[in-house]
């Protein structure tokens, strides 16, 4: 399952994914996985923020490099290319849609429109 946001304003799409992923990085099992996947420094910073009860800082501690490895965001073309790249690696991604301008139903409509 890949958090996905379609928006030509990639920074806005990334902001939505950062909010989504802020919940996941609070879970030790996810942090352990990402640490092993090469994001030790990022996970250490998140653990320090959690220990300091600074949960509101989590989105700012999620760098683009990490975010773009674990989510999809951007224009229709960028999201389609990302889904295709994962499929080419043998991973059948399930896009879990969010939107910068509406609820999940709108986001799913954006995905359907991307393939219309």
PDB file of N, CA and C in Angstrom:
ATOM      1  N   UNK A   1       0.852  -1.175   0.000  1.00  0.00           N
ATOM      2  CA  UNK A   1       0.000   0.000   0.000  1.00  0.00           C
ATOM      3  C   UNK A   1       0.892   1.231   0.000  1.00  0.00           C
ATOM      4  N   UNK A   2       0.638   2.104  -0.953  1.00  0.00           N
ATOM      5  CA  UNK A   2       1.484   3.272  -1.139  1.00  0.00           C
ATOM      6  C   UNK A   2       0.630   4.538  -1.006  1.00  0.00           C
ATOM      7  N   UNK A   3       0.868   5.348   0.031  1.00  0.00           N
ATOM      8  CA  UNK A   3       0.166   6.626   0.107  1.00  0.00           C
ATOM      9  C   UNK A   3       0.451   7.433  -1.160  1.00  0.00           C
ATOM     10  N   UNK A   4      -0.615   7.922  -1.806  1.00  0.00           N
ATOM     11  CA  UNK A   4      -0.495   8.553  -3.112  1.00  0.00           C
ATOM     12  C   UNK A   4      -1.348   9.812  -3.166  1.00  0.00           C
ATOM     13  N   UNK A   5      -0.752  10.890  -3.692  1.00  0.00           N
ATOM     14  CA  UNK A   5      -1.470  12.149  -3.885  1.00  0.00           C
ATOM     15  C   UNK A   5      -1.139  12.676  -5.271  1.00  0.00           C
ATOM     16  N   UNK A   6      -2.180  12.927  -6.070  1.00  0.00           N
ATOM     17  CA  UNK A   6      -2.001  13.513  -7.389  1.00  0.00           C
ATOM     18  C   UNK A   6      -2.266  15.004  -7.301  1.00  0.00           C
ATOM     19  N   UNK A   7      -1.258  15.784  -7.638  1.00  0.00           N
ATOM     20  CA  UNK A   7      -1.393  17.243  -7.690  1.00  0.00           C
ATOM     21  C   UNK A   7      -0.182  17.784  -8.439  1.00  0.00           C
ATOM     22  N   UNK A   8      -0.400  18.686  -9.369  1.00  0.00           N
ATOM     23  CA  UNK A   8       0.718  19.293 -10.098  1.00  0.00           C
ATOM     24  C   UNK A   8       1.660  20.041  -9.168  1.00  0.00           C
ATOM     25  N   UNK A   9       1.134  20.489  -8.032  1.00  0.00           N
ATOM     26  CA  UNK A   9       1.957  21.142  -7.014  1.00  0.00           C
ATOM     27  C   UNK A   9       2.520  20.038  -6.119  1.00  0.00           C
ATOM     28  N   UNK A  10       3.700  19.541  -6.476  1.00  0.00           N
ATOM     29  CA  UNK A  10       4.257  18.397  -5.756  1.00  0.00           C
ATOM     30  C   UNK A  10       4.518  18.725  -4.286  1.00  0.00           C
ATOM     31  N   UNK A  11       4.887  19.953  -3.987  1.00  0.00           N
ATOM     32  CA  UNK A  11       5.117  20.321  -2.589  1.00  0.00           C
ATOM     33  C   UNK A  11       3.829  20.167  -1.778  1.00  0.00           C
ATOM     34  N   UNK A  12       2.702  20.554  -2.352  1.00  0.00           N
ATOM     35  CA  UNK A  12       1.415  20.400  -1.658  1.00  0.00           C
ATOM     36  C   UNK A  12       1.080  18.925  -1.486  1.00  0.00           C
ATOM     37  N   UNK A  13       1.335  18.124  -2.522  1.00  0.00           N
ATOM     38  CA  UNK A  13       1.088  16.682  -2.440  1.00  0.00           C
ATOM     39  C   UNK A  13       1.988  16.047  -1.387  1.00  0.00           C
ATOM     40  N   UNK A  14       3.258  16.453  -1.380  1.00  0.00           N
ATOM     41  CA  UNK A  14       4.190  15.934  -0.381  1.00  0.00           C
ATOM     42  C   UNK A  14       3.742  16.278   1.031  1.00  0.00           C
ATOM     43  N   UNK A  15       3.193  17.459   1.223  1.00  0.00           N
ATOM     44  CA  UNK A  15       2.739  17.864   2.552  1.00  0.00           C
ATOM     45  C   UNK A  15       1.635  16.929   3.055  1.00  0.00           C
ATOM     46  N   UNK A  16       0.735  16.532   2.160  1.00  0.00           N
ATOM     47  CA  UNK A  16      -0.317  15.588   2.551  1.00  0.00           C
ATOM     48  C   UNK A  16       0.306  14.248   2.925  1.00  0.00           C
ATOM     49  N   UNK A  17       1.246  13.766   2.101  1.00  0.00           N
ATOM     50  CA  UNK A  17       1.896  12.486   2.415  1.00  0.00           C
ATOM     51  C   UNK A  17       2.722  12.568   3.687  1.00  0.00           C
ATOM     52  N   UNK A  18       3.331  13.705   3.952  1.00  0.00           N
ATOM     53  CA  UNK A  18       4.093  13.853   5.210  1.00  0.00           C
ATOM     54  C   UNK A  18       3.171  13.722   6.416  1.00  0.00           C
ATOM     55  N   UNK A  19       1.997  14.316   6.334  1.00  0.00           N
ATOM     56  CA  UNK A  19       1.033  14.188   7.442  1.00  0.00           C
ATOM     57  C   UNK A  19       0.629  12.725   7.621  1.00  0.00           C
ATOM     58  N   UNK A  20       0.365  12.048   6.508  1.00  0.00           N
ATOM     59  CA  UNK A  20      -0.007  10.634   6.570  1.00  0.00           C
ATOM     60  C   UNK A  20       1.109   9.811   7.188  1.00  0.00           C
ATOM     61  N   UNK A  21       2.331  10.010   6.697  1.00  0.00           N
ATOM     62  CA  UNK A  21       3.451   9.184   7.140  1.00  0.00           C
ATOM     63  C   UNK A  21       3.910   9.528   8.552  1.00  0.00           C
ATOM     64  N   UNK A  22       3.535  10.689   9.055  1.00  0.00           N
ATOM     65  CA  UNK A  22       3.886  11.057  10.429  1.00  0.00           C
ATOM     66  C   UNK A  22       3.304  10.065  11.431  1.00  0.00           C
ATOM     67  N   UNK A  23       2.170   9.497  11.132  1.00  0.00           N
ATOM     68  CA  UNK A  23       1.599   8.474  12.013  1.00  0.00           C
ATOM     69  C   UNK A  23       2.380   7.173  11.963  1.00  0.00           C
ATOM     70  N   UNK A  24       2.818   6.797  10.768  1.00  0.00           N
ATOM     71  CA  UNK A  24       3.553   5.536  10.617  1.00  0.00           C
ATOM     72  C   UNK A  24       4.910   5.573  11.314  1.00  0.00           C
ATOM     73  N   UNK A  25       5.585   6.703  11.266  1.00  0.00           N
ATOM     74  CA  UNK A  25       6.919   6.757  11.877  1.00  0.00           C
ATOM     75  C   UNK A  25       6.871   6.734  13.402  1.00  0.00           C
ATOM     76  N   UNK A  26       5.701   6.844  13.981  1.00  0.00           N
ATOM     77  CA  UNK A  26       5.598   6.699  15.438  1.00  0.00           C
ATOM     78  C   UNK A  26       5.641   5.237  15.854  1.00  0.00           C
ATOM     79  N   UNK A  27       5.494   4.325  14.904  1.00  0.00           N
ATOM     80  CA  UNK A  27       5.444   2.894  15.204  1.00  0.00           C
ATOM     81  C   UNK A  27       6.833   2.273  15.106  1.00  0.00           C
ATOM     82  N   UNK A  28       7.290   1.638  16.178  1.00  0.00           N
ATOM     83  CA  UNK A  28       8.652   1.078  16.191  1.00  0.00           C
ATOM     84  C   UNK A  28       8.943   0.101  15.056  1.00  0.00           C
ATOM     85  N   UNK A  29       7.976  -0.702  14.674  1.00  0.00           N
ATOM     86  CA  UNK A  29       8.225  -1.690  13.617  1.00  0.00           C
ATOM     87  C   UNK A  29       8.520  -1.010  12.282  1.00  0.00           C
ATOM     88  N   UNK A  30       7.811   0.062  11.971  1.00  0.00           N
ATOM     89  CA  UNK A  30       8.082   0.796  10.735  1.00  0.00           C
ATOM     90  C   UNK A  30       9.444   1.474  10.806  1.00  0.00           C
ATOM     91  N   UNK A  31       9.756   2.092  11.949  1.00  0.00           N
ATOM     92  CA  UNK A  31      11.064   2.746  12.082  1.00  0.00           C
ATOM     93  C   UNK A  31      12.188   1.739  11.921  1.00  0.00           C
ATOM     94  N   UNK A  32      12.019   0.563  12.493  1.00  0.00           N
ATOM     95  CA  UNK A  32      13.041  -0.473  12.383  1.00  0.00           C
ATOM     96  C   UNK A  32      13.246  -0.867  10.915  1.00  0.00           C
ATOM     97  N   UNK A  33      12.166  -1.039  10.209  1.00  0.00           N
ATOM     98  CA  UNK A  33      12.263  -1.379   8.782  1.00  0.00           C
ATOM     99  C   UNK A  33      13.005  -0.290   8.017  1.00  0.00           C
ATOM    100  N   UNK A  34      12.596   0.965   8.209  1.00  0.00           N
ATOM    101  CA  UNK A  34      13.214   2.067   7.456  1.00  0.00           C
ATOM    102  C   UNK A  34      14.669   2.277   7.868  1.00  0.00           C
ATOM    103  N   UNK A  35      14.970   2.007   9.116  1.00  0.00           N
ATOM    104  CA  UNK A  35      16.366   2.080   9.559  1.00  0.00           C
ATOM    105  C   UNK A  35      17.201   1.069   8.760  1.00  0.00           C
ATOM    106  N   UNK A  36      16.707  -0.158   8.673  1.00  0.00           N
ATOM    107  CA  UNK A  36      17.412  -1.209   7.932  1.00  0.00           C
ATOM    108  C   UNK A  36      17.460  -0.915   6.433  1.00  0.00           C
ATOM    109  N   UNK A  37      16.503  -0.152   5.934  1.00  0.00           N
ATOM    110  CA  UNK A  37      16.434   0.182   4.506  1.00  0.00           C
ATOM    111  C   UNK A  37      17.334   1.363   4.142  1.00  0.00           C
ATOM    112  N   UNK A  38      18.077   1.885   5.128  1.00  0.00           N
ATOM    113  CA  UNK A  38      19.032   2.941   4.819  1.00  0.00           C
ATOM    114  C   UNK A  38      18.684   4.313   5.339  1.00  0.00           C
ATOM    115  N   UNK A  39      17.705   4.386   6.203  1.00  0.00           N
ATOM    116  CA  UNK A  39      17.285   5.686   6.739  1.00  0.00           C
ATOM    117  C   UNK A  39      17.520   5.777   8.241  1.00  0.00           C
ATOM    118  N   UNK A  40      18.677   5.313   8.689  1.00  0.00           N
ATOM    119  CA  UNK A  40      18.991   5.298  10.120  1.00  0.00           C
ATOM    120  C   UNK A  40      19.010   6.701  10.716  1.00  0.00           C
ATOM    121  N   UNK A  41      19.660   7.632  10.044  1.00  0.00           N
ATOM    122  CA  UNK A  41      19.756   8.997  10.568  1.00  0.00           C
ATOM    123  C   UNK A  41      18.377   9.631  10.722  1.00  0.00           C
ATOM    124  N   UNK A  42      17.526   9.425   9.739  1.00  0.00           N
ATOM    125  CA  UNK A  42      16.170   9.990   9.795  1.00  0.00           C
ATOM    126  C   UNK A  42      15.367   9.371  10.941  1.00  0.00           C
ATOM    127  N   UNK A  43      15.488   8.073  11.124  1.00  0.00           N
ATOM    128  CA  UNK A  43      14.726   7.403  12.177  1.00  0.00           C
ATOM    129  C   UNK A  43      15.255   7.783  13.568  1.00  0.00           C
ATOM    130  N   UNK A  44      16.547   8.003  13.673  1.00  0.00           N
ATOM    131  CA  UNK A  44      17.121   8.463  14.944  1.00  0.00           C
ATOM    132  C   UNK A  44      16.574   9.842  15.298  1.00  0.00           C
ATOM    133  N   UNK A  45      16.479  10.720  14.319  1.00  0.00           N
ATOM    134  CA  UNK A  45      15.931  12.068  14.557  1.00  0.00           C
ATOM    135  C   UNK A  45      14.462  11.985  14.976  1.00  0.00           C
ATOM    136  N   UNK A  46      13.725  11.093  14.360  1.00  0.00           N
ATOM    137  CA  UNK A  46      12.316  10.919  14.719  1.00  0.00           C
ATOM    138  C   UNK A  46      12.195  10.373  16.138  1.00  0.00           C
ATOM    139  N   UNK A  47      13.019   9.409  16.476  1.00  0.00           N
ATOM    140  CA  UNK A  47      12.979   8.869  17.838  1.00  0.00           C
ATOM    141  C   UNK A  47      13.320   9.925  18.876  1.00  0.00           C
ATOM    142  N   UNK A  48      14.259  10.797  18.560  1.00  0.00           N
ATOM    143  CA  UNK A  48      14.605  11.889  19.479  1.00  0.00           C
ATOM    144  C   UNK A  48      13.424  12.840  19.652  1.00  0.00           C
ATOM    145  N   UNK A  49      12.733  13.156  18.562  1.00  0.00           N
ATOM    146  CA  UNK A  49      11.566  14.035  18.651  1.00  0.00           C
ATOM    147  C   UNK A  49      10.456  13.373  19.461  1.00  0.00           C
ATOM    148  N   UNK A  50      10.248  12.098  19.249  1.00  0.00           N
ATOM    149  CA  UNK A  50       9.220  11.381  20.016  1.00  0.00           C
ATOM    150  C   UNK A  50       9.573  11.352  21.501  1.00  0.00           C
ATOM    151  N   UNK A  51      10.847  11.114  21.807  1.00  0.00           N
ATOM    152  CA  UNK A  51      11.283  11.081  23.211  1.00  0.00           C
ATOM    153  C   UNK A  51      11.102  12.444  23.874  1.00  0.00           C
ATOM    154  N   UNK A  52      11.269  13.500  23.091  1.00  0.00           N
ATOM    155  CA  UNK A  52      11.113  14.862  23.613  1.00  0.00           C
ATOM    156  C   UNK A  52       9.655  15.331  23.569  1.00  0.00           C
ATOM    157  N   UNK A  53       8.769  14.424  23.182  1.00  0.00           N
ATOM    158  CA  UNK A  53       7.329  14.743  23.058  1.00  0.00           C
ATOM    159  C   UNK A  53       7.091  15.892  22.081  1.00  0.00           C
ATOM    160  N   UNK A  54       7.850  15.874  21.001  1.00  0.00           N
ATOM    161  CA  UNK A  54       7.734  16.897  19.949  1.00  0.00           C
ATOM    162  C   UNK A  54       7.154  16.282  18.685  1.00  0.00           C
ATOM    163  N   UNK A  55       6.028  15.634  18.844  1.00  0.00           N
ATOM    164  CA  UNK A  55       5.375  14.945  17.732  1.00  0.00           C
ATOM    165  C   UNK A  55       5.023  15.889  16.586  1.00  0.00           C
ATOM    166  N   UNK A  56       4.752  17.146  16.892  1.00  0.00           N
ATOM    167  CA  UNK A  56       4.402  18.121  15.854  1.00  0.00           C
ATOM    168  C   UNK A  56       5.565  18.384  14.897  1.00  0.00           C
ATOM    169  N   UNK A  57       6.779  17.996  15.274  1.00  0.00           N
ATOM    170  CA  UNK A  57       7.958  18.188  14.427  1.00  0.00           C
ATOM    171  C   UNK A  57       8.137  17.069  13.403  1.00  0.00           C
ATOM    172  N   UNK A  58       7.391  15.984  13.537  1.00  0.00           N
ATOM    173  CA  UNK A  58       7.621  14.824  12.684  1.00  0.00           C
ATOM    174  C   UNK A  58       7.576  15.142  11.183  1.00  0.00           C
ATOM    175  N   UNK A  59       6.583  15.881  10.681  1.00  0.00           N
ATOM    176  CA  UNK A  59       6.580  16.144   9.239  1.00  0.00           C
ATOM    177  C   UNK A  59       7.861  16.807   8.728  1.00  0.00           C
ATOM    178  N   UNK A  60       8.432  17.700   9.499  1.00  0.00           N
ATOM    179  CA  UNK A  60       9.655  18.379   9.058  1.00  0.00           C
ATOM    180  C   UNK A  60      10.874  17.461   9.096  1.00  0.00           C
ATOM    181  N   UNK A  61      10.763  16.338   9.788  1.00  0.00           N
ATOM    182  CA  UNK A  61      11.873  15.388   9.886  1.00  0.00           C
ATOM    183  C   UNK A  61      11.818  14.300   8.818  1.00  0.00           C
ATOM    184  N   UNK A  62      10.842  14.402   7.918  1.00  0.00           N
ATOM    185  CA  UNK A  62      10.668  13.416   6.849  1.00  0.00           C
ATOM    186  C   UNK A  62      11.171  14.026   5.538  1.00  0.00           C
ATOM    187  N   UNK A  63      12.422  13.775   5.189  1.00  0.00           N
ATOM    188  CA  UNK A  63      13.015  14.419   4.011  1.00  0.00           C
ATOM    189  C   UNK A  63      12.440  13.882   2.693  1.00  0.00           C
ATOM    190  N   UNK A  64      12.573  14.681   1.654  1.00  0.00           N
ATOM    191  CA  UNK A  64      12.064  14.294   0.334  1.00  0.00           C
ATOM    192  C   UNK A  64      12.611  12.948  -0.114  1.00  0.00           C
ATOM    193  N   UNK A  65      13.888  12.700   0.098  1.00  0.00           N
ATOM    194  CA  UNK A  65      14.515  11.445  -0.346  1.00  0.00           C
ATOM    195  C   UNK A  65      13.751  10.243   0.209  1.00  0.00           C
ATOM    196  N   UNK A  66      13.470  10.269   1.502  1.00  0.00           N
ATOM    197  CA  UNK A  66      12.719   9.192   2.140  1.00  0.00           C
ATOM    198  C   UNK A  66      11.275   9.189   1.655  1.00  0.00           C
ATOM    199  N   UNK A  67      10.640  10.357   1.668  1.00  0.00           N
ATOM    200  CA  UNK A  67       9.226  10.457   1.314  1.00  0.00           C
ATOM    201  C   UNK A  67       8.973   9.917  -0.086  1.00  0.00           C
ATOM    202  N   UNK A  68       9.844  10.266  -1.022  1.00  0.00           N
ATOM    203  CA  UNK A  68       9.639   9.835  -2.407  1.00  0.00           C
ATOM    204  C   UNK A  68       9.962   8.360  -2.612  1.00  0.00           C
ATOM    205  N   UNK A  69      10.640   7.744  -1.671  1.00  0.00           N
ATOM    206  CA  UNK A  69      10.873   6.297  -1.725  1.00  0.00           C
ATOM    207  C   UNK A  69       9.688   5.504  -1.181  1.00  0.00           C
ATOM    208  N   UNK A  70       8.893   6.095  -0.299  1.00  0.00           N
ATOM    209  CA  UNK A  70       7.833   5.333   0.361  1.00  0.00           C
ATOM    210  C   UNK A  70       6.422   5.797   0.010  1.00  0.00           C
ATOM    211  N   UNK A  71       6.311   6.882  -0.760  1.00  0.00           N
ATOM    212  CA  UNK A  71       5.004   7.378  -1.193  1.00  0.00           C
ATOM    213  C   UNK A  71       5.102   7.786  -2.660  1.00  0.00           C
ATOM    214  N   UNK A  72       3.965   8.123  -3.231  1.00  0.00           N
ATOM    215  CA  UNK A  72       3.923   8.686  -4.577  1.00  0.00           C
ATOM    216  C   UNK A  72       3.212  10.021  -4.512  1.00  0.00           C
ATOM    217  N   UNK A  73       3.734  10.981  -5.264  1.00  0.00           N
ATOM    218  CA  UNK A  73       3.117  12.300  -5.275  1.00  0.00           C
ATOM    219  C   UNK A  73       3.504  13.022  -6.553  1.00  0.00           C
ATOM    220  N   UNK A  74       2.697  14.010  -6.885  1.00  0.00           N
ATOM    221  CA  UNK A  74       3.005  14.859  -8.026  1.00  0.00           C
ATOM    222  C   UNK A  74       1.932  14.784  -9.091  1.00  0.00           C
ATOM    223  N   UNK A  75       2.343  15.149 -10.294  1.00  0.00           N
ATOM    224  CA  UNK A  75       1.425  15.200 -11.429  1.00  0.00           C
ATOM    225  C   UNK A  75       0.923  13.800 -11.781  1.00  0.00           C
ATOM    226  N   UNK A  76      -0.076  13.767 -12.645  1.00  0.00           N
ATOM    227  CA  UNK A  76      -0.585  12.485 -13.136  1.00  0.00           C
ATOM    228  C   UNK A  76       0.564  11.670 -13.717  1.00  0.00           C
ATOM    229  N   UNK A  77       1.388  12.303 -14.533  1.00  0.00           N
ATOM    230  CA  UNK A  77       2.500  11.588 -15.166  1.00  0.00           C
ATOM    231  C   UNK A  77       3.471  11.036 -14.119  1.00  0.00           C
ATOM    232  N   UNK A  78       3.803  11.838 -13.101  1.00  0.00           N
ATOM    233  CA  UNK A  78       4.729  11.378 -12.066  1.00  0.00           C
ATOM    234  C   UNK A  78       4.164  10.188 -11.293  1.00  0.00           C
ATOM    235  N   UNK A  79       2.891  10.242 -10.958  1.00  0.00           N
ATOM    236  CA  UNK A  79       2.276   9.152 -10.201  1.00  0.00           C
ATOM    237  C   UNK A  79       2.174   7.903 -11.066  1.00  0.00           C
ATOM    238  N   UNK A  80       1.760   8.059 -12.313  1.00  0.00           N
ATOM    239  CA  UNK A  80       1.678   6.893 -13.208  1.00  0.00           C
ATOM    240  C   UNK A  80       3.061   6.267 -13.391  1.00  0.00           C
ATOM    241  N   UNK A  81       4.078   7.103 -13.595  1.00  0.00           N
ATOM    242  CA  UNK A  81       5.446   6.590 -13.741  1.00  0.00           C
ATOM    243  C   UNK A  81       5.895   5.859 -12.482  1.00  0.00           C
ATOM    244  N   UNK A  82       5.542   6.397 -11.319  1.00  0.00           N
ATOM    245  CA  UNK A  82       5.905   5.751 -10.057  1.00  0.00           C
ATOM    246  C   UNK A  82       5.237   4.399  -9.892  1.00  0.00           C
ATOM    247  N   UNK A  83       3.945   4.331 -10.204  1.00  0.00           N
ATOM    248  CA  UNK A  83       3.230   3.054 -10.112  1.00  0.00           C
ATOM    249  C   UNK A  83       3.823   2.037 -11.087  1.00  0.00           C
ATOM    250  N   UNK A  84       4.137   2.491 -12.300  1.00  0.00           N
ATOM    251  CA  UNK A  84       4.726   1.603 -13.305  1.00  0.00           C
ATOM    252  C   UNK A  84       6.115   1.134 -12.881  1.00  0.00           C
ATOM    253  N   UNK A  85       6.912   2.026 -12.280  1.00  0.00           N
ATOM    254  CA  UNK A  85       8.263   1.649 -11.837  1.00  0.00           C
ATOM    255  C   UNK A  85       8.185   0.562 -10.767  1.00  0.00           C
ATOM    256  N   UNK A  86       7.255   0.699  -9.822  1.00  0.00           N
ATOM    257  CA  UNK A  86       7.114  -0.327  -8.794  1.00  0.00           C
ATOM    258  C   UNK A  86       6.677  -1.644  -9.437  1.00  0.00           C
ATOM    259  N   UNK A  87       5.733  -1.579 -10.372  1.00  0.00           N
ATOM    260  CA  UNK A  87       5.268  -2.791 -11.048  1.00  0.00           C
ATOM    261  C   UNK A  87       6.405  -3.442 -11.832  1.00  0.00           C
ATOM    262  N   UNK A  88       7.251  -2.630 -12.462  1.00  0.00           N
ATOM    263  CA  UNK A  88       8.397  -3.161 -13.208  1.00  0.00           C
ATOM    264  C   UNK A  88       9.376  -3.902 -12.304  1.00  0.00           C
ATOM    265  N   UNK A  89       9.409  -3.543 -11.024  1.00  0.00           N
ATOM    266  CA  UNK A  89      10.287  -4.221 -10.060  1.00  0.00           C
ATOM    267  C   UNK A  89       9.623  -5.466  -9.475  1.00  0.00           C
ATOM    268  N   UNK A  90       8.397  -5.743  -9.907  1.00  0.00           N
ATOM    269  CA  UNK A  90       7.694  -6.916  -9.409  1.00  0.00           C
ATOM    270  C   UNK A  90       6.796  -6.650  -8.224  1.00  0.00           C
ATOM    271  N   UNK A  91       6.601  -5.394  -7.884  1.00  0.00           N
ATOM    272  CA  UNK A  91       5.739  -5.012  -6.766  1.00  0.00           C
ATOM    273  C   UNK A  91       4.420  -4.502  -7.339  1.00  0.00           C
ATOM    274  N   UNK A  92       3.326  -5.094  -6.929  1.00  0.00           N
ATOM    275  CA  UNK A  92       2.018  -4.617  -7.360  1.00  0.00           C
ATOM    276  C   UNK A  92       1.521  -3.617  -6.320  1.00  0.00           C
ATOM    277  N   UNK A  93       1.768  -2.322  -6.560  1.00  0.00           N
ATOM    278  CA  UNK A  93       1.408  -1.332  -5.547  1.00  0.00           C
ATOM    279  C   UNK A  93      -0.103  -1.098  -5.491  1.00  0.00           C
ATOM    280  N   UNK A  94      -0.583  -0.882  -4.292  1.00  0.00           N
ATOM    281  CA  UNK A  94      -1.964  -0.478  -4.077  1.00  0.00           C
ATOM    282  C   UNK A  94      -1.912   0.981  -3.659  1.00  0.00           C
ATOM    283  N   UNK A  95      -2.423   1.857  -4.514  1.00  0.00           N
ATOM    284  CA  UNK A  95      -2.399   3.289  -4.230  1.00  0.00           C
ATOM    285  C   UNK A  95      -3.476   3.611  -3.192  1.00  0.00           C
ATOM    286  N   UNK A  96      -3.048   4.131  -2.054  1.00  0.00           N
ATOM    287  CA  UNK A  96      -3.968   4.590  -1.019  1.00  0.00           C
ATOM    288  C   UNK A  96      -4.055   6.098  -1.196  1.00  0.00           C
ATOM    289  N   UNK A  97      -5.182   6.522  -1.739  1.00  0.00           N
ATOM    290  CA  UNK A  97      -5.300   7.884  -2.232  1.00  0.00           C
ATOM    291  C   UNK A  97      -5.703   8.900  -1.160  1.00  0.00           C
ATOM    292  N   UNK A  98      -5.059  10.069  -1.266  1.00  0.00           N
ATOM    293  CA  UNK A  98      -5.444  11.269  -0.530  1.00  0.00           C
ATOM    294  C   UNK A  98      -5.434  12.403  -1.540  1.00  0.00           C
ATOM    295  N   UNK A  99      -5.996  13.532  -1.166  1.00  0.00           N
ATOM    296  CA  UNK A  99      -6.079  14.667  -2.072  1.00  0.00           C
ATOM    297  C   UNK A  99      -5.674  15.946  -1.350  1.00  0.00           C
ATOM    298  N   UNK A 100      -5.178  16.879  -2.110  1.00  0.00           N
ATOM    299  CA  UNK A 100      -4.852  18.194  -1.551  1.00  0.00           C
ATOM    300  C   UNK A 100      -6.085  19.091  -1.504  1.00  0.00           C
ATOM    301  N   UNK A 101      -7.174  18.677  -2.174  1.00  0.00           N
ATOM    302  CA  UNK A 101      -8.321  19.577  -2.286  1.00  0.00           C
ATOM    303  C   UNK A 101      -9.656  18.908  -1.999  1.00  0.00           C
ATOM    304  N   UNK A 102      -9.647  17.772  -1.328  1.00  0.00           N
ATOM    305  CA  UNK A 102     -10.901  17.103  -1.025  1.00  0.00           C
ATOM    306  C   UNK A 102     -10.654  15.826  -0.262  1.00  0.00           C
ATOM    307  N   UNK A 103     -11.700  15.061  -0.099  1.00  0.00           N
ATOM    308  CA  UNK A 103     -11.612  13.819   0.644  1.00  0.00           C
ATOM    309  C   UNK A 103     -11.134  12.657  -0.205  1.00  0.00           C
ATOM    310  N   UNK A 104     -11.231  11.464   0.372  1.00  0.00           N
ATOM    311  CA  UNK A 104     -10.716  10.287  -0.303  1.00  0.00           C
ATOM    312  C   UNK A 104     -11.505   9.974  -1.574  1.00  0.00           C
ATOM    313  N   UNK A 105     -12.804  10.218  -1.579  1.00  0.00           N
ATOM    314  CA  UNK A 105     -13.592   9.964  -2.789  1.00  0.00           C
ATOM    315  C   UNK A 105     -13.076  10.818  -3.947  1.00  0.00           C
ATOM    316  N   UNK A 106     -12.759  12.069  -3.683  1.00  0.00           N
ATOM    317  CA  UNK A 106     -12.196  12.936  -4.721  1.00  0.00           C
ATOM    318  C   UNK A 106     -10.848  12.392  -5.176  1.00  0.00           C
ATOM    319  N   UNK A 107     -10.032  11.947  -4.227  1.00  0.00           N
ATOM    320  CA  UNK A 107      -8.715  11.429  -4.555  1.00  0.00           C
ATOM    321  C   UNK A 107      -8.811  10.179  -5.431  1.00  0.00           C
ATOM    322  N   UNK A 108      -9.745   9.305  -5.129  1.00  0.00           N
ATOM    323  CA  UNK A 108      -9.930   8.107  -5.946  1.00  0.00           C
ATOM    324  C   UNK A 108     -10.395   8.492  -7.344  1.00  0.00           C
ATOM    325  N   UNK A 109     -11.255   9.495  -7.422  1.00  0.00           N
ATOM    326  CA  UNK A 109     -11.674  10.011  -8.733  1.00  0.00           C
ATOM    327  C   UNK A 109     -10.501  10.544  -9.529  1.00  0.00           C
ATOM    328  N   UNK A 110      -9.554  11.184  -8.847  1.00  0.00           N
ATOM    329  CA  UNK A 110      -8.352  11.694  -9.525  1.00  0.00           C
ATOM    330  C   UNK A 110      -7.526  10.546 -10.101  1.00  0.00           C
ATOM    331  N   UNK A 111      -7.437   9.441  -9.360  1.00  0.00           N
ATOM    332  CA  UNK A 111      -6.708   8.278  -9.854  1.00  0.00           C
ATOM    333  C   UNK A 111      -7.414   7.666 -11.056  1.00  0.00           C
ATOM    334  N   UNK A 112      -8.730   7.519 -10.980  1.00  0.00           N
ATOM    335  CA  UNK A 112      -9.479   6.982 -12.120  1.00  0.00           C
ATOM    336  C   UNK A 112      -9.286   7.880 -13.344  1.00  0.00           C
ATOM    337  N   UNK A 113      -9.350   9.189 -13.151  1.00  0.00           N
ATOM    338  CA  UNK A 113      -9.165  10.136 -14.262  1.00  0.00           C
ATOM    339  C   UNK A 113      -7.766  10.018 -14.866  1.00  0.00           C
ATOM    340  N   UNK A 114      -6.791   9.666 -14.055  1.00  0.00           N
ATOM    341  CA  UNK A 114      -5.422   9.523 -14.547  1.00  0.00           C
ATOM    342  C   UNK A 114      -5.288   8.380 -15.546  1.00  0.00           C
ATOM    343  N   UNK A 115      -6.213   7.439 -15.482  1.00  0.00           N
ATOM    344  CA  UNK A 115      -6.164   6.283 -16.369  1.00  0.00           C
ATOM    345  C   UNK A 115      -7.333   6.250 -17.359  1.00  0.00           C
ATOM    346  N   UNK A 116      -8.086   7.330 -17.418  1.00  0.00           N
ATOM    347  CA  UNK A 116      -9.254   7.389 -18.343  1.00  0.00           C
ATOM    348  C   UNK A 116      -8.792   7.593 -19.775  1.00  0.00           C
TER     349      UNK A 116
END
